[in-house]
């Protein structure tokens, strides 16, 4: 029985290694990369409020040198009850400096309809809210600034490989306790 368990553990660890190697190959080839982000207003009428979003892009277009802007394939950002997407800014993208992630470049202007404007440039968040929308004369906007934090979403292959590795370690630990 010990021999069977060792074979199973070796097979499981091997599968995890293959999975991780496959994930590393994907990174080298190119992949759709997804980030979640949180914009926190630090000044203005919405100070203390947080707004969430996510975006995806294909990193195949990146060279890793100089300043680069990768095109967005998808974006959602909910600000003050309105959800914005990539169609609100045709020039939006993800900034990189010398191959290092610098942040999102995005500007949503829906002031004529909802009275909302929001801009994200790397770690900075700017917003304006008008008290009137549409063609009402002399709207009084309240604006503010804030900070943006980003979190890269792990690729499914990475999660699967780490799960298999963890399961193998757990089984090995369980086996060690029974032997003692």
C-alpha atoms as a PDB file:
ATOM      1  CA  UNK A   1       0.000   0.000   0.000  1.00  0.00           C
ATOM      2  CA  UNK A   2       2.890   2.357   0.734  1.00  0.00           C
ATOM      3  CA  UNK A   3       4.233   1.784  -2.782  1.00  0.00           C
ATOM      4  CA  UNK A   4       0.843   2.690  -4.306  1.00  0.00           C
ATOM      5  CA  UNK A   5       0.643   5.835  -2.216  1.00  0.00           C
ATOM      6  CA  UNK A   6       4.149   6.912  -3.273  1.00  0.00           C
ATOM      7  CA  UNK A   7       3.252   6.354  -6.934  1.00  0.00           C
ATOM      8  CA  UNK A   8       0.073   8.387  -6.481  1.00  0.00           C
ATOM      9  CA  UNK A   9       1.953  11.224  -4.767  1.00  0.00           C
ATOM     10  CA  UNK A  10       4.649  11.274  -7.453  1.00  0.00           C
ATOM     11  CA  UNK A  11       1.970  11.313 -10.165  1.00  0.00           C
ATOM     12  CA  UNK A  12       0.117  14.133  -8.425  1.00  0.00           C
ATOM     13  CA  UNK A  13       3.230  16.256  -7.974  1.00  0.00           C
ATOM     14  CA  UNK A  14       4.176  15.516 -11.590  1.00  0.00           C
ATOM     15  CA  UNK A  15       0.759  16.669 -12.771  1.00  0.00           C
ATOM     16  CA  UNK A  16       1.145  19.865 -10.755  1.00  0.00           C
ATOM     17  CA  UNK A  17       4.572  20.487 -12.302  1.00  0.00           C
ATOM     18  CA  UNK A  18       3.205  19.951 -15.822  1.00  0.00           C
ATOM     19  CA  UNK A  19       0.318  22.304 -15.069  1.00  0.00           C
ATOM     20  CA  UNK A  20       2.659  25.002 -13.780  1.00  0.00           C
ATOM     21  CA  UNK A  21       5.005  24.517 -16.735  1.00  0.00           C
ATOM     22  CA  UNK A  22       2.030  24.915 -19.073  1.00  0.00           C
ATOM     23  CA  UNK A  23       1.093  28.118 -17.301  1.00  0.00           C
ATOM     24  CA  UNK A  24       4.615  29.485 -17.670  1.00  0.00           C
ATOM     25  CA  UNK A  25       4.529  28.634 -21.380  1.00  0.00           C
ATOM     26  CA  UNK A  26       1.265  30.578 -21.710  1.00  0.00           C
ATOM     27  CA  UNK A  27       2.885  33.623 -20.128  1.00  0.00           C
ATOM     28  CA  UNK A  28       5.777  33.466 -22.580  1.00  0.00           C
ATOM     29  CA  UNK A  29       3.447  33.024 -25.576  1.00  0.00           C
ATOM     30  CA  UNK A  30       0.780  35.620 -24.686  1.00  0.00           C
ATOM     31  CA  UNK A  31      -2.386  35.581 -22.750  1.00  0.00           C
ATOM     32  CA  UNK A  32      -5.441  37.564 -21.879  1.00  0.00           C
ATOM     33  CA  UNK A  33      -4.565  39.265 -18.621  1.00  0.00           C
ATOM     34  CA  UNK A  34      -7.246  40.440 -16.175  1.00  0.00           C
ATOM     35  CA  UNK A  35      -6.989  42.913 -13.314  1.00  0.00           C
ATOM     36  CA  UNK A  36      -9.504  43.938 -10.672  1.00  0.00           C
ATOM     37  CA  UNK A  37      -9.233  47.475  -9.377  1.00  0.00           C
ATOM     38  CA  UNK A  38     -10.650  49.702  -6.664  1.00  0.00           C
ATOM     39  CA  UNK A  39     -10.906  53.480  -6.973  1.00  0.00           C
ATOM     40  CA  UNK A  40     -11.207  55.231  -3.613  1.00  0.00           C
ATOM     41  CA  UNK A  41     -12.340  58.863  -3.464  1.00  0.00           C
ATOM     42  CA  UNK A  42     -10.268  60.797  -0.919  1.00  0.00           C
ATOM     43  CA  UNK A  43     -11.723  64.297  -1.475  1.00  0.00           C
ATOM     44  CA  UNK A  44     -15.012  65.825  -2.609  1.00  0.00           C
ATOM     45  CA  UNK A  45     -18.610  64.847  -1.944  1.00  0.00           C
ATOM     46  CA  UNK A  46     -17.791  61.132  -2.354  1.00  0.00           C
ATOM     47  CA  UNK A  47     -14.745  61.083  -0.053  1.00  0.00           C
ATOM     48  CA  UNK A  48     -14.479  57.699   1.638  1.00  0.00           C
ATOM     49  CA  UNK A  49     -16.435  55.890  -1.092  1.00  0.00           C
ATOM     50  CA  UNK A  50     -14.920  52.979  -3.046  1.00  0.00           C
ATOM     51  CA  UNK A  51     -15.775  51.970  -6.600  1.00  0.00           C
ATOM     52  CA  UNK A  52     -14.896  48.623  -8.175  1.00  0.00           C
ATOM     53  CA  UNK A  53     -14.025  47.519 -11.667  1.00  0.00           C
ATOM     54  CA  UNK A  54     -12.084  45.062 -13.785  1.00  0.00           C
ATOM     55  CA  UNK A  55     -10.409  45.042 -17.169  1.00  0.00           C
ATOM     56  CA  UNK A  56      -8.767  42.584 -19.541  1.00  0.00           C
ATOM     57  CA  UNK A  57      -6.236  42.932 -22.331  1.00  0.00           C
ATOM     58  CA  UNK A  58      -4.117  40.720 -24.562  1.00  0.00           C
ATOM     59  CA  UNK A  59      -0.432  41.086 -23.721  1.00  0.00           C
ATOM     60  CA  UNK A  60       0.713  39.767 -27.133  1.00  0.00           C
ATOM     61  CA  UNK A  61       1.064  43.335 -28.383  1.00  0.00           C
ATOM     62  CA  UNK A  62       3.626  44.294 -25.719  1.00  0.00           C
ATOM     63  CA  UNK A  63       7.361  44.428 -26.432  1.00  0.00           C
ATOM     64  CA  UNK A  64       8.570  45.149 -22.883  1.00  0.00           C
ATOM     65  CA  UNK A  65      10.519  48.268 -23.842  1.00  0.00           C
ATOM     66  CA  UNK A  66       9.695  51.946 -23.494  1.00  0.00           C
ATOM     67  CA  UNK A  67       6.234  53.344 -22.825  1.00  0.00           C
ATOM     68  CA  UNK A  68       3.439  51.142 -24.151  1.00  0.00           C
ATOM     69  CA  UNK A  69      -0.354  51.207 -24.088  1.00  0.00           C
ATOM     70  CA  UNK A  70      -2.143  47.863 -24.530  1.00  0.00           C
ATOM     71  CA  UNK A  71      -5.682  48.033 -25.926  1.00  0.00           C
ATOM     72  CA  UNK A  72      -8.500  46.912 -23.656  1.00  0.00           C
ATOM     73  CA  UNK A  73     -10.566  43.903 -24.650  1.00  0.00           C
ATOM     74  CA  UNK A  74     -13.033  44.400 -21.790  1.00  0.00           C
ATOM     75  CA  UNK A  75     -13.667  46.866 -18.977  1.00  0.00           C
ATOM     76  CA  UNK A  76     -16.391  47.367 -16.396  1.00  0.00           C
ATOM     77  CA  UNK A  77     -16.344  50.100 -13.772  1.00  0.00           C
ATOM     78  CA  UNK A  78     -19.214  50.978 -11.467  1.00  0.00           C
ATOM     79  CA  UNK A  79     -19.115  54.575 -10.273  1.00  0.00           C
ATOM     80  CA  UNK A  80     -21.894  56.294  -8.306  1.00  0.00           C
ATOM     81  CA  UNK A  81     -24.459  53.677  -9.363  1.00  0.00           C
ATOM     82  CA  UNK A  82     -23.613  53.708 -13.089  1.00  0.00           C
ATOM     83  CA  UNK A  83     -21.652  50.963 -14.816  1.00  0.00           C
ATOM     84  CA  UNK A  84     -19.206  52.114 -17.470  1.00  0.00           C
ATOM     85  CA  UNK A  85     -17.474  49.890 -20.029  1.00  0.00           C
ATOM     86  CA  UNK A  86     -14.719  50.135 -22.627  1.00  0.00           C
ATOM     87  CA  UNK A  87     -17.063  51.865 -25.133  1.00  0.00           C
ATOM     88  CA  UNK A  88     -17.028  55.109 -23.099  1.00  0.00           C
ATOM     89  CA  UNK A  89     -13.384  55.733 -24.051  1.00  0.00           C
ATOM     90  CA  UNK A  90     -12.101  54.563 -27.421  1.00  0.00           C
ATOM     91  CA  UNK A  91      -8.538  55.549 -26.476  1.00  0.00           C
ATOM     92  CA  UNK A  92      -8.470  53.641 -23.179  1.00  0.00           C
ATOM     93  CA  UNK A  93      -5.651  51.232 -22.509  1.00  0.00           C
ATOM     94  CA  UNK A  94      -3.295  49.674 -20.004  1.00  0.00           C
ATOM     95  CA  UNK A  95      -0.009  51.488 -19.506  1.00  0.00           C
ATOM     96  CA  UNK A  96       3.407  49.851 -19.218  1.00  0.00           C
ATOM     97  CA  UNK A  97       6.842  51.386 -18.644  1.00  0.00           C
ATOM     98  CA  UNK A  98       9.810  49.209 -19.637  1.00  0.00           C
ATOM     99  CA  UNK A  99       7.573  46.129 -19.394  1.00  0.00           C
ATOM    100  CA  UNK A 100       6.265  47.008 -15.912  1.00  0.00           C
ATOM    101  CA  UNK A 101       2.526  47.463 -15.304  1.00  0.00           C
ATOM    102  CA  UNK A 102       1.763  51.169 -14.717  1.00  0.00           C
ATOM    103  CA  UNK A 103      -2.040  51.072 -14.536  1.00  0.00           C
ATOM    104  CA  UNK A 104      -5.205  51.792 -16.432  1.00  0.00           C
ATOM    105  CA  UNK A 105      -5.711  54.895 -18.614  1.00  0.00           C
ATOM    106  CA  UNK A 106      -9.465  55.467 -18.883  1.00  0.00           C
ATOM    107  CA  UNK A 107     -11.846  58.406 -19.046  1.00  0.00           C
ATOM    108  CA  UNK A 108     -15.636  58.059 -18.908  1.00  0.00           C
ATOM    109  CA  UNK A 109     -17.704  61.138 -19.674  1.00  0.00           C
ATOM    110  CA  UNK A 110     -21.436  60.687 -19.249  1.00  0.00           C
ATOM    111  CA  UNK A 111     -22.115  64.201 -17.922  1.00  0.00           C
ATOM    112  CA  UNK A 112     -24.789  64.957 -20.527  1.00  0.00           C
ATOM    113  CA  UNK A 113     -26.877  61.933 -19.487  1.00  0.00           C
ATOM    114  CA  UNK A 114     -26.111  61.002 -15.885  1.00  0.00           C
ATOM    115  CA  UNK A 115     -24.030  63.956 -14.719  1.00  0.00           C
ATOM    116  CA  UNK A 116     -21.027  61.687 -14.087  1.00  0.00           C
ATOM    117  CA  UNK A 117     -17.428  61.921 -15.209  1.00  0.00           C
ATOM    118  CA  UNK A 118     -14.629  59.637 -14.035  1.00  0.00           C
ATOM    119  CA  UNK A 119     -10.987  59.327 -15.032  1.00  0.00           C
ATOM    120  CA  UNK A 120      -8.365  56.799 -14.014  1.00  0.00           C
ATOM    121  CA  UNK A 121      -4.722  57.352 -14.885  1.00  0.00           C
ATOM    122  CA  UNK A 122      -2.439  54.768 -13.292  1.00  0.00           C
ATOM    123  CA  UNK A 123      -2.726  55.195  -9.519  1.00  0.00           C
ATOM    124  CA  UNK A 124      -4.849  58.377  -9.744  1.00  0.00           C
ATOM    125  CA  UNK A 125      -8.660  58.726  -9.751  1.00  0.00           C
ATOM    126  CA  UNK A 126     -10.527  61.922 -10.672  1.00  0.00           C
ATOM    127  CA  UNK A 127     -14.278  62.438 -10.717  1.00  0.00           C
ATOM    128  CA  UNK A 128     -16.972  65.081 -11.209  1.00  0.00           C
ATOM    129  CA  UNK A 129     -20.666  64.889 -10.416  1.00  0.00           C
ATOM    130  CA  UNK A 130     -23.104  67.494 -11.728  1.00  0.00           C
ATOM    131  CA  UNK A 131     -26.241  68.329  -9.785  1.00  0.00           C
ATOM    132  CA  UNK A 132     -28.057  68.618 -13.092  1.00  0.00           C
ATOM    133  CA  UNK A 133     -27.855  66.485 -16.211  1.00  0.00           C
ATOM    134  CA  UNK A 134     -28.931  66.876 -19.784  1.00  0.00           C
ATOM    135  CA  UNK A 135     -29.382  70.416 -21.079  1.00  0.00           C
ATOM    136  CA  UNK A 136     -30.116  72.068 -17.743  1.00  0.00           C
ATOM    137  CA  UNK A 137     -28.112  75.296 -17.663  1.00  0.00           C
ATOM    138  CA  UNK A 138     -25.372  75.930 -15.142  1.00  0.00           C
ATOM    139  CA  UNK A 139     -24.924  72.536 -13.499  1.00  0.00           C
ATOM    140  CA  UNK A 140     -22.847  72.712 -10.325  1.00  0.00           C
ATOM    141  CA  UNK A 141     -20.318  69.909 -10.368  1.00  0.00           C
ATOM    142  CA  UNK A 142     -18.599  68.558  -7.320  1.00  0.00           C
ATOM    143  CA  UNK A 143     -15.258  67.027  -8.092  1.00  0.00           C
ATOM    144  CA  UNK A 144     -12.721  65.033  -6.202  1.00  0.00           C
ATOM    145  CA  UNK A 145      -9.632  62.920  -6.426  1.00  0.00           C
ATOM    146  CA  UNK A 146      -8.552  59.579  -5.077  1.00  0.00           C
ATOM    147  CA  UNK A 147      -6.332  56.550  -5.442  1.00  0.00           C
ATOM    148  CA  UNK A 148      -6.551  53.384  -7.505  1.00  0.00           C
ATOM    149  CA  UNK A 149      -5.236  49.980  -6.432  1.00  0.00           C
ATOM    150  CA  UNK A 150      -4.890  46.999  -8.766  1.00  0.00           C
ATOM    151  CA  UNK A 151      -4.880  43.250  -8.258  1.00  0.00           C
ATOM    152  CA  UNK A 152      -3.970  40.811 -11.018  1.00  0.00           C
ATOM    153  CA  UNK A 153      -6.414  37.903 -11.333  1.00  0.00           C
ATOM    154  CA  UNK A 154      -4.564  34.544 -11.364  1.00  0.00           C
ATOM    155  CA  UNK A 155      -4.908  32.437 -14.494  1.00  0.00           C
ATOM    156  CA  UNK A 156      -6.976  29.244 -14.081  1.00  0.00           C
ATOM    157  CA  UNK A 157      -3.961  27.014 -14.829  1.00  0.00           C
ATOM    158  CA  UNK A 158      -2.021  28.533 -11.948  1.00  0.00           C
ATOM    159  CA  UNK A 159      -4.872  27.954  -9.506  1.00  0.00           C
ATOM    160  CA  UNK A 160      -5.302  24.350 -10.692  1.00  0.00           C
ATOM    161  CA  UNK A 161      -1.581  23.604 -10.413  1.00  0.00           C
ATOM    162  CA  UNK A 162      -1.266  25.076  -6.936  1.00  0.00           C
ATOM    163  CA  UNK A 163      -4.389  23.190  -5.808  1.00  0.00           C
ATOM    164  CA  UNK A 164      -2.935  19.894  -7.017  1.00  0.00           C
ATOM    165  CA  UNK A 165       0.369  20.623  -5.299  1.00  0.00           C
ATOM    166  CA  UNK A 166      -1.418  21.475  -2.039  1.00  0.00           C
ATOM    167  CA  UNK A 167      -3.477  18.284  -2.226  1.00  0.00           C
ATOM    168  CA  UNK A 168      -0.311  16.229  -2.712  1.00  0.00           C
ATOM    169  CA  UNK A 169       1.325  17.836   0.311  1.00  0.00           C
ATOM    170  CA  UNK A 170      -1.806  17.292   2.401  1.00  0.00           C
ATOM    171  CA  UNK A 171      -1.970  13.617   1.440  1.00  0.00           C
ATOM    172  CA  UNK A 172       1.724  13.179   2.209  1.00  0.00           C
ATOM    173  CA  UNK A 173       1.268  14.807   5.629  1.00  0.00           C
ATOM    174  CA  UNK A 174      -1.729  12.576   6.354  1.00  0.00           C
ATOM    175  CA  UNK A 175       0.338   9.524   5.414  1.00  0.00           C
ATOM    176  CA  UNK A 176       3.177  10.618   7.712  1.00  0.00           C
ATOM    177  CA  UNK A 177       0.797  10.915  10.678  1.00  0.00           C
ATOM    178  CA  UNK A 178      -0.532   7.381  10.102  1.00  0.00           C
ATOM    179  CA  UNK A 179       2.999   5.975   9.941  1.00  0.00           C
ATOM    180  CA  UNK A 180       3.993   7.549  13.260  1.00  0.00           C
END
